[in-house]
């Protein structure tokens, strides 16, 4: 029930079939209810780990200027988090509806956002903060859940998405021709890998619809970032959420 600090989740696994849908096994694991107190610590750990992954997976980026590397990482970090959490959520819960994974072992109950907030957090504005959080989830779900449901990405497509979300750059970010060339190279390599996967492993002659769903999901994640920025600014300025966490503030605002 939602009153427990430890949730119970069925572990879902991908199986080879014509529709590539995720099926749920009878194996269960414990998932802890995430909260504000631990989220900042988890975000700092994620920053370090994803930065290492980012530099090792896309070594050409490390040859760019420090400023461009920082711009690209700031753009990449929240998008990586969204696709990782969505994919992890669908694999564990079988759907993206109520519980959303925030890490390997923690989830948030979107039906009860007050559980994420420590008692008293938000003060007299606590109810307004909860309403703001609900609006944020609803706005994001309307954009990304239909795209994620249509795509029903496999593990290989998830790996491709990890690269493709990097290549969806906000127009406000100014990059050199060299940086744009690096991004184009990453995008082309990811799409070529996907095409080989569709042809060689899935045996598909016409994969335009499936590839189109992946690209649409990529665009939806970018739109979610815009929604996040809007609500993060409100939550920080009005409700002091993460206001004292400078690094988190820089990445999300």
C-alpha atoms as a PDB file:
ATOM      1  CA  UNK A   1       0.000   0.000   0.000  1.00  0.00           C
ATOM      2  CA  UNK A   2       1.066   3.603  -0.424  1.00  0.00           C
ATOM      3  CA  UNK A   3       1.590   4.010   3.343  1.00  0.00           C
ATOM      4  CA  UNK A   4       4.576   1.641   3.351  1.00  0.00           C
ATOM      5  CA  UNK A   5       8.146   2.892   2.991  1.00  0.00           C
ATOM      6  CA  UNK A   6       9.039  -0.267   1.085  1.00  0.00           C
ATOM      7  CA  UNK A   7       7.079  -0.989  -2.085  1.00  0.00           C
ATOM      8  CA  UNK A   8       6.755  -4.351  -3.798  1.00  0.00           C
ATOM      9  CA  UNK A   9       7.444  -4.542  -7.516  1.00  0.00           C
ATOM     10  CA  UNK A  10       7.258  -7.392 -10.043  1.00  0.00           C
ATOM     11  CA  UNK A  11      10.472  -7.644 -12.053  1.00  0.00           C
ATOM     12  CA  UNK A  12       9.702  -7.549 -15.768  1.00  0.00           C
ATOM     13  CA  UNK A  13      11.986  -9.075 -18.375  1.00  0.00           C
ATOM     14  CA  UNK A  14      12.248  -8.645 -22.151  1.00  0.00           C
ATOM     15  CA  UNK A  15      11.490 -11.732 -24.204  1.00  0.00           C
ATOM     16  CA  UNK A  16      11.971 -12.264 -27.918  1.00  0.00           C
ATOM     17  CA  UNK A  17       8.622 -12.144 -29.670  1.00  0.00           C
ATOM     18  CA  UNK A  18       7.109 -10.534 -32.723  1.00  0.00           C
ATOM     19  CA  UNK A  19       5.728  -7.566 -30.786  1.00  0.00           C
ATOM     20  CA  UNK A  20       8.759  -7.205 -28.502  1.00  0.00           C
ATOM     21  CA  UNK A  21       6.543  -6.495 -25.516  1.00  0.00           C
ATOM     22  CA  UNK A  22       7.833  -6.715 -21.979  1.00  0.00           C
ATOM     23  CA  UNK A  23       6.294  -9.564 -19.996  1.00  0.00           C
ATOM     24  CA  UNK A  24       6.133  -9.720 -16.211  1.00  0.00           C
ATOM     25  CA  UNK A  25       7.580 -12.659 -14.293  1.00  0.00           C
ATOM     26  CA  UNK A  26       6.506 -13.856 -10.844  1.00  0.00           C
ATOM     27  CA  UNK A  27       9.765 -12.694  -9.261  1.00  0.00           C
ATOM     28  CA  UNK A  28       9.391  -9.748  -6.879  1.00  0.00           C
ATOM     29  CA  UNK A  29      11.818  -7.270  -5.380  1.00  0.00           C
ATOM     30  CA  UNK A  30      11.605  -4.521  -2.780  1.00  0.00           C
ATOM     31  CA  UNK A  31      11.699  -0.917  -3.962  1.00  0.00           C
ATOM     32  CA  UNK A  32      11.981   1.883  -1.426  1.00  0.00           C
ATOM     33  CA  UNK A  33       9.800   4.950  -1.479  1.00  0.00           C
ATOM     34  CA  UNK A  34      12.020   7.837  -2.607  1.00  0.00           C
ATOM     35  CA  UNK A  35      11.985  11.128  -0.723  1.00  0.00           C
ATOM     36  CA  UNK A  36      13.441  14.615  -0.799  1.00  0.00           C
ATOM     37  CA  UNK A  37      15.977  13.866   1.935  1.00  0.00           C
ATOM     38  CA  UNK A  38      17.775  11.228  -0.129  1.00  0.00           C
ATOM     39  CA  UNK A  39      17.148  12.593  -3.628  1.00  0.00           C
ATOM     40  CA  UNK A  40      19.908  15.217  -3.479  1.00  0.00           C
ATOM     41  CA  UNK A  41      22.458  12.602  -2.379  1.00  0.00           C
ATOM     42  CA  UNK A  42      21.362  10.289  -5.198  1.00  0.00           C
ATOM     43  CA  UNK A  43      21.598  13.118  -7.720  1.00  0.00           C
ATOM     44  CA  UNK A  44      25.179  13.913  -6.678  1.00  0.00           C
ATOM     45  CA  UNK A  45      26.128  10.242  -7.063  1.00  0.00           C
ATOM     46  CA  UNK A  46      24.396  10.163 -10.449  1.00  0.00           C
ATOM     47  CA  UNK A  47      26.271  13.274 -11.587  1.00  0.00           C
ATOM     48  CA  UNK A  48      29.608  11.578 -10.963  1.00  0.00           C
ATOM     49  CA  UNK A  49      28.651   8.230 -12.477  1.00  0.00           C
ATOM     50  CA  UNK A  50      26.906   9.628 -15.548  1.00  0.00           C
ATOM     51  CA  UNK A  51      29.780  12.056 -16.153  1.00  0.00           C
ATOM     52  CA  UNK A  52      32.226   9.128 -16.238  1.00  0.00           C
ATOM     53  CA  UNK A  53      29.893   7.188 -18.525  1.00  0.00           C
ATOM     54  CA  UNK A  54      29.445  10.237 -20.772  1.00  0.00           C
ATOM     55  CA  UNK A  55      33.193  10.774 -21.179  1.00  0.00           C
ATOM     56  CA  UNK A  56      34.031   7.095 -21.760  1.00  0.00           C
ATOM     57  CA  UNK A  57      31.127   6.410 -24.114  1.00  0.00           C
ATOM     58  CA  UNK A  58      31.557   9.572 -26.188  1.00  0.00           C
ATOM     59  CA  UNK A  59      35.348  10.210 -26.059  1.00  0.00           C
ATOM     60  CA  UNK A  60      35.224  12.678 -28.966  1.00  0.00           C
ATOM     61  CA  UNK A  61      33.347  15.085 -26.686  1.00  0.00           C
ATOM     62  CA  UNK A  62      36.346  15.280 -24.341  1.00  0.00           C
ATOM     63  CA  UNK A  63      38.323  16.879 -27.186  1.00  0.00           C
ATOM     64  CA  UNK A  64      35.949  19.850 -27.307  1.00  0.00           C
ATOM     65  CA  UNK A  65      36.380  23.010 -25.262  1.00  0.00           C
ATOM     66  CA  UNK A  66      35.582  22.750 -21.555  1.00  0.00           C
ATOM     67  CA  UNK A  67      32.701  25.167 -22.027  1.00  0.00           C
ATOM     68  CA  UNK A  68      31.127  23.016 -24.748  1.00  0.00           C
ATOM     69  CA  UNK A  69      31.654  19.853 -22.709  1.00  0.00           C
ATOM     70  CA  UNK A  70      29.807  21.465 -19.797  1.00  0.00           C
ATOM     71  CA  UNK A  71      26.965  22.716 -22.005  1.00  0.00           C
ATOM     72  CA  UNK A  72      26.505  19.266 -23.519  1.00  0.00           C
ATOM     73  CA  UNK A  73      26.637  17.494 -20.150  1.00  0.00           C
ATOM     74  CA  UNK A  74      24.123  19.909 -18.642  1.00  0.00           C
ATOM     75  CA  UNK A  75      21.833  19.104 -21.565  1.00  0.00           C
ATOM     76  CA  UNK A  76      22.543  15.362 -21.374  1.00  0.00           C
ATOM     77  CA  UNK A  77      22.243  14.639 -17.651  1.00  0.00           C
ATOM     78  CA  UNK A  78      18.484  15.195 -17.154  1.00  0.00           C
ATOM     79  CA  UNK A  79      17.630  13.492 -20.466  1.00  0.00           C
ATOM     80  CA  UNK A  80      19.693  10.450 -19.501  1.00  0.00           C
ATOM     81  CA  UNK A  81      17.809  10.403 -16.199  1.00  0.00           C
ATOM     82  CA  UNK A  82      14.412  10.526 -17.897  1.00  0.00           C
ATOM     83  CA  UNK A  83      15.020   7.696 -20.382  1.00  0.00           C
ATOM     84  CA  UNK A  84      16.794   5.579 -17.752  1.00  0.00           C
ATOM     85  CA  UNK A  85      14.003   6.026 -15.200  1.00  0.00           C
ATOM     86  CA  UNK A  86      11.243   5.449 -17.759  1.00  0.00           C
ATOM     87  CA  UNK A  87      12.844   2.286 -19.098  1.00  0.00           C
ATOM     88  CA  UNK A  88      13.573   1.001 -15.588  1.00  0.00           C
ATOM     89  CA  UNK A  89       9.988   1.788 -14.549  1.00  0.00           C
ATOM     90  CA  UNK A  90       8.460  -0.123 -17.438  1.00  0.00           C
ATOM     91  CA  UNK A  91      10.708  -3.131 -16.880  1.00  0.00           C
ATOM     92  CA  UNK A  92       9.922  -3.307 -13.164  1.00  0.00           C
ATOM     93  CA  UNK A  93       6.264  -2.280 -13.039  1.00  0.00           C
ATOM     94  CA  UNK A  94       5.139  -3.294 -16.526  1.00  0.00           C
ATOM     95  CA  UNK A  95       3.657   0.153 -17.160  1.00  0.00           C
ATOM     96  CA  UNK A  96       4.349   3.838 -16.616  1.00  0.00           C
ATOM     97  CA  UNK A  97       1.447   4.981 -14.524  1.00  0.00           C
ATOM     98  CA  UNK A  98       1.742   5.368 -10.760  1.00  0.00           C
ATOM     99  CA  UNK A  99       5.266   4.479  -9.633  1.00  0.00           C
ATOM    100  CA  UNK A 100       8.281   6.089 -11.307  1.00  0.00           C
ATOM    101  CA  UNK A 101      11.773   4.804 -10.637  1.00  0.00           C
ATOM    102  CA  UNK A 102      14.254   7.394  -9.412  1.00  0.00           C
ATOM    103  CA  UNK A 103      17.204   5.028  -8.970  1.00  0.00           C
ATOM    104  CA  UNK A 104      17.937   1.301  -8.996  1.00  0.00           C
ATOM    105  CA  UNK A 105      16.231   0.754  -5.628  1.00  0.00           C
ATOM    106  CA  UNK A 106      13.862   3.704  -5.141  1.00  0.00           C
ATOM    107  CA  UNK A 107      10.636   4.911  -6.717  1.00  0.00           C
ATOM    108  CA  UNK A 108       8.181   7.743  -6.329  1.00  0.00           C
ATOM    109  CA  UNK A 109       4.454   7.205  -5.911  1.00  0.00           C
ATOM    110  CA  UNK A 110       2.936   9.878  -8.153  1.00  0.00           C
ATOM    111  CA  UNK A 111      -0.507   9.251  -6.640  1.00  0.00           C
ATOM    112  CA  UNK A 112       0.917  10.394  -3.296  1.00  0.00           C
ATOM    113  CA  UNK A 113       3.624  13.038  -3.909  1.00  0.00           C
ATOM    114  CA  UNK A 114       3.331  14.077  -0.263  1.00  0.00           C
ATOM    115  CA  UNK A 115       5.272  10.900   0.603  1.00  0.00           C
ATOM    116  CA  UNK A 116       8.276  12.361  -1.226  1.00  0.00           C
ATOM    117  CA  UNK A 117       8.219  15.442   1.017  1.00  0.00           C
ATOM    118  CA  UNK A 118       9.541  15.359   4.553  1.00  0.00           C
ATOM    119  CA  UNK A 119       6.983  16.294   7.167  1.00  0.00           C
ATOM    120  CA  UNK A 120       6.752  20.071   7.296  1.00  0.00           C
ATOM    121  CA  UNK A 121       8.667  20.647   4.051  1.00  0.00           C
ATOM    122  CA  UNK A 122       7.109  23.558   2.207  1.00  0.00           C
ATOM    123  CA  UNK A 123       5.722  25.057   5.410  1.00  0.00           C
ATOM    124  CA  UNK A 124       2.456  26.888   4.914  1.00  0.00           C
ATOM    125  CA  UNK A 125       2.900  26.404   1.157  1.00  0.00           C
ATOM    126  CA  UNK A 126       3.117  22.614   1.426  1.00  0.00           C
ATOM    127  CA  UNK A 127      -0.247  21.955  -0.250  1.00  0.00           C
ATOM    128  CA  UNK A 128       0.598  24.374  -3.050  1.00  0.00           C
ATOM    129  CA  UNK A 129       3.923  22.571  -3.543  1.00  0.00           C
ATOM    130  CA  UNK A 130       2.136  19.210  -3.775  1.00  0.00           C
ATOM    131  CA  UNK A 131      -0.258  20.652  -6.369  1.00  0.00           C
ATOM    132  CA  UNK A 132       2.707  22.022  -8.311  1.00  0.00           C
ATOM    133  CA  UNK A 133       4.354  18.593  -8.293  1.00  0.00           C
ATOM    134  CA  UNK A 134       1.130  16.970  -9.491  1.00  0.00           C
ATOM    135  CA  UNK A 135       0.910  19.440 -12.361  1.00  0.00           C
ATOM    136  CA  UNK A 136       4.501  18.656 -13.304  1.00  0.00           C
ATOM    137  CA  UNK A 137       3.912  14.886 -13.407  1.00  0.00           C
ATOM    138  CA  UNK A 138       0.695  15.296 -15.373  1.00  0.00           C
ATOM    139  CA  UNK A 139       2.353  17.567 -17.936  1.00  0.00           C
ATOM    140  CA  UNK A 140       5.269  15.170 -18.374  1.00  0.00           C
ATOM    141  CA  UNK A 141       3.098  12.059 -18.543  1.00  0.00           C
ATOM    142  CA  UNK A 142       0.897  13.579 -21.254  1.00  0.00           C
ATOM    143  CA  UNK A 143       3.987  14.103 -23.403  1.00  0.00           C
ATOM    144  CA  UNK A 144       6.196  11.098 -22.792  1.00  0.00           C
ATOM    145  CA  UNK A 145       3.999   8.155 -21.748  1.00  0.00           C
ATOM    146  CA  UNK A 146       2.155   7.825 -25.099  1.00  0.00           C
ATOM    147  CA  UNK A 147       5.492   7.990 -26.945  1.00  0.00           C
ATOM    148  CA  UNK A 148       7.084   5.434 -24.613  1.00  0.00           C
ATOM    149  CA  UNK A 149       4.061   3.130 -24.911  1.00  0.00           C
ATOM    150  CA  UNK A 150       4.084   3.260 -28.705  1.00  0.00           C
ATOM    151  CA  UNK A 151       7.821   2.676 -28.931  1.00  0.00           C
ATOM    152  CA  UNK A 152       7.958  -0.214 -26.412  1.00  0.00           C
ATOM    153  CA  UNK A 153      11.733  -0.031 -26.729  1.00  0.00           C
ATOM    154  CA  UNK A 154      13.891  -3.116 -26.365  1.00  0.00           C
ATOM    155  CA  UNK A 155      17.209  -3.199 -24.524  1.00  0.00           C
ATOM    156  CA  UNK A 156      19.099  -2.460 -27.752  1.00  0.00           C
ATOM    157  CA  UNK A 157      16.839   0.495 -28.519  1.00  0.00           C
ATOM    158  CA  UNK A 158      17.338   1.767 -24.972  1.00  0.00           C
ATOM    159  CA  UNK A 159      21.096   1.759 -25.558  1.00  0.00           C
ATOM    160  CA  UNK A 160      20.584   3.701 -28.783  1.00  0.00           C
ATOM    161  CA  UNK A 161      18.359   6.188 -26.939  1.00  0.00           C
ATOM    162  CA  UNK A 162      21.171   6.868 -24.479  1.00  0.00           C
ATOM    163  CA  UNK A 163      23.146   8.226 -27.435  1.00  0.00           C
ATOM    164  CA  UNK A 164      20.260   9.857 -29.289  1.00  0.00           C
ATOM    165  CA  UNK A 165      19.119  11.981 -26.327  1.00  0.00           C
ATOM    166  CA  UNK A 166      22.582  13.570 -26.348  1.00  0.00           C
ATOM    167  CA  UNK A 167      22.062  14.595 -29.969  1.00  0.00           C
ATOM    168  CA  UNK A 168      18.772  16.419 -29.363  1.00  0.00           C
ATOM    169  CA  UNK A 169      20.259  19.839 -28.646  1.00  0.00           C
ATOM    170  CA  UNK A 170      18.275  22.860 -27.512  1.00  0.00           C
ATOM    171  CA  UNK A 171      18.544  25.710 -30.014  1.00  0.00           C
ATOM    172  CA  UNK A 172      19.655  28.073 -27.233  1.00  0.00           C
ATOM    173  CA  UNK A 173      22.963  26.184 -26.868  1.00  0.00           C
ATOM    174  CA  UNK A 174      25.679  27.685 -29.063  1.00  0.00           C
ATOM    175  CA  UNK A 175      28.145  25.096 -30.353  1.00  0.00           C
ATOM    176  CA  UNK A 176      31.108  25.283 -32.695  1.00  0.00           C
ATOM    177  CA  UNK A 177      31.087  23.553 -36.073  1.00  0.00           C
ATOM    178  CA  UNK A 178      33.439  20.976 -34.606  1.00  0.00           C
ATOM    179  CA  UNK A 179      31.061  20.218 -31.745  1.00  0.00           C
ATOM    180  CA  UNK A 180      28.114  19.941 -34.133  1.00  0.00           C
ATOM    181  CA  UNK A 181      30.160  17.536 -36.257  1.00  0.00           C
ATOM    182  CA  UNK A 182      30.869  15.372 -33.183  1.00  0.00           C
ATOM    183  CA  UNK A 183      27.164  15.303 -32.292  1.00  0.00           C
ATOM    184  CA  UNK A 184      26.230  14.405 -35.873  1.00  0.00           C
ATOM    185  CA  UNK A 185      28.754  11.559 -35.781  1.00  0.00           C
ATOM    186  CA  UNK A 186      27.219  10.163 -32.589  1.00  0.00           C
ATOM    187  CA  UNK A 187      23.710  10.410 -34.065  1.00  0.00           C
ATOM    188  CA  UNK A 188      24.702   8.696 -37.317  1.00  0.00           C
ATOM    189  CA  UNK A 189      26.491   5.872 -35.471  1.00  0.00           C
ATOM    190  CA  UNK A 190      23.468   5.277 -33.203  1.00  0.00           C
ATOM    191  CA  UNK A 191      21.035   5.207 -36.127  1.00  0.00           C
ATOM    192  CA  UNK A 192      23.277   2.881 -38.134  1.00  0.00           C
ATOM    193  CA  UNK A 193      23.500   0.521 -35.152  1.00  0.00           C
ATOM    194  CA  UNK A 194      19.712   0.561 -34.880  1.00  0.00           C
ATOM    195  CA  UNK A 195      19.271  -0.243 -38.562  1.00  0.00           C
ATOM    196  CA  UNK A 196      21.659  -3.187 -38.289  1.00  0.00           C
ATOM    197  CA  UNK A 197      19.763  -4.383 -35.219  1.00  0.00           C
ATOM    198  CA  UNK A 198      16.413  -4.196 -36.994  1.00  0.00           C
ATOM    199  CA  UNK A 199      17.715  -6.011 -40.082  1.00  0.00           C
ATOM    200  CA  UNK A 200      20.066  -8.589 -38.592  1.00  0.00           C
ATOM    201  CA  UNK A 201      18.579  -9.379 -35.174  1.00  0.00           C
ATOM    202  CA  UNK A 202      14.892  -8.612 -35.626  1.00  0.00           C
ATOM    203  CA  UNK A 203      14.742  -9.655 -39.284  1.00  0.00           C
ATOM    204  CA  UNK A 204      12.777  -6.570 -40.310  1.00  0.00           C
ATOM    205  CA  UNK A 205      12.775  -5.370 -43.921  1.00  0.00           C
ATOM    206  CA  UNK A 206      10.643  -2.319 -43.181  1.00  0.00           C
ATOM    207  CA  UNK A 207      11.543  -0.760 -39.852  1.00  0.00           C
ATOM    208  CA  UNK A 208      10.516   2.822 -40.642  1.00  0.00           C
ATOM    209  CA  UNK A 209       7.601   2.780 -38.188  1.00  0.00           C
ATOM    210  CA  UNK A 210       9.674   1.356 -35.344  1.00  0.00           C
ATOM    211  CA  UNK A 211      12.539   3.777 -35.952  1.00  0.00           C
ATOM    212  CA  UNK A 212      10.029   6.621 -36.197  1.00  0.00           C
ATOM    213  CA  UNK A 213       8.666   5.726 -32.764  1.00  0.00           C
ATOM    214  CA  UNK A 214      12.180   5.862 -31.289  1.00  0.00           C
ATOM    215  CA  UNK A 215      12.797   9.291 -32.829  1.00  0.00           C
ATOM    216  CA  UNK A 216       9.410  10.535 -31.594  1.00  0.00           C
ATOM    217  CA  UNK A 217      10.289   9.346 -28.084  1.00  0.00           C
ATOM    218  CA  UNK A 218      13.559  11.252 -28.315  1.00  0.00           C
ATOM    219  CA  UNK A 219      11.660  14.451 -29.171  1.00  0.00           C
ATOM    220  CA  UNK A 220       9.195  13.803 -26.320  1.00  0.00           C
ATOM    221  CA  UNK A 221      12.049  13.548 -23.821  1.00  0.00           C
ATOM    222  CA  UNK A 222      13.380  16.908 -25.017  1.00  0.00           C
ATOM    223  CA  UNK A 223       9.924  18.394 -24.462  1.00  0.00           C
ATOM    224  CA  UNK A 224       9.904  16.919 -20.949  1.00  0.00           C
ATOM    225  CA  UNK A 225      13.118  18.806 -20.232  1.00  0.00           C
ATOM    226  CA  UNK A 226      11.385  22.087 -21.075  1.00  0.00           C
ATOM    227  CA  UNK A 227       8.568  21.145 -18.697  1.00  0.00           C
ATOM    228  CA  UNK A 228      11.090  20.251 -15.984  1.00  0.00           C
ATOM    229  CA  UNK A 229      12.903  23.562 -16.307  1.00  0.00           C
ATOM    230  CA  UNK A 230       9.646  25.491 -15.985  1.00  0.00           C
ATOM    231  CA  UNK A 231       8.503  23.655 -12.857  1.00  0.00           C
ATOM    232  CA  UNK A 232      11.988  23.479 -11.321  1.00  0.00           C
ATOM    233  CA  UNK A 233      12.215  27.259 -11.466  1.00  0.00           C
ATOM    234  CA  UNK A 234       8.878  27.562  -9.689  1.00  0.00           C
ATOM    235  CA  UNK A 235       9.767  24.967  -7.051  1.00  0.00           C
ATOM    236  CA  UNK A 236      13.158  26.551  -6.382  1.00  0.00           C
ATOM    237  CA  UNK A 237      12.081  30.194  -6.305  1.00  0.00           C
ATOM    238  CA  UNK A 238       8.739  29.761  -4.540  1.00  0.00           C
ATOM    239  CA  UNK A 239       9.236  26.638  -2.412  1.00  0.00           C
ATOM    240  CA  UNK A 240      13.048  26.530  -1.967  1.00  0.00           C
ATOM    241  CA  UNK A 241      13.347  22.983  -3.375  1.00  0.00           C
ATOM    242  CA  UNK A 242      17.070  22.315  -3.937  1.00  0.00           C
ATOM    243  CA  UNK A 243      17.683  26.057  -3.541  1.00  0.00           C
ATOM    244  CA  UNK A 244      20.795  25.386  -1.423  1.00  0.00           C
ATOM    245  CA  UNK A 245      22.117  22.670  -3.767  1.00  0.00           C
ATOM    246  CA  UNK A 246      24.147  24.766  -6.200  1.00  0.00           C
ATOM    247  CA  UNK A 247      25.266  21.959  -8.529  1.00  0.00           C
ATOM    248  CA  UNK A 248      21.758  20.538  -8.806  1.00  0.00           C
ATOM    249  CA  UNK A 249      20.376  24.014  -9.332  1.00  0.00           C
ATOM    250  CA  UNK A 250      22.851  24.632 -12.182  1.00  0.00           C
ATOM    251  CA  UNK A 251      21.927  21.390 -13.940  1.00  0.00           C
ATOM    252  CA  UNK A 252      18.160  21.727 -13.786  1.00  0.00           C
ATOM    253  CA  UNK A 253      17.505  25.456 -13.988  1.00  0.00           C
END
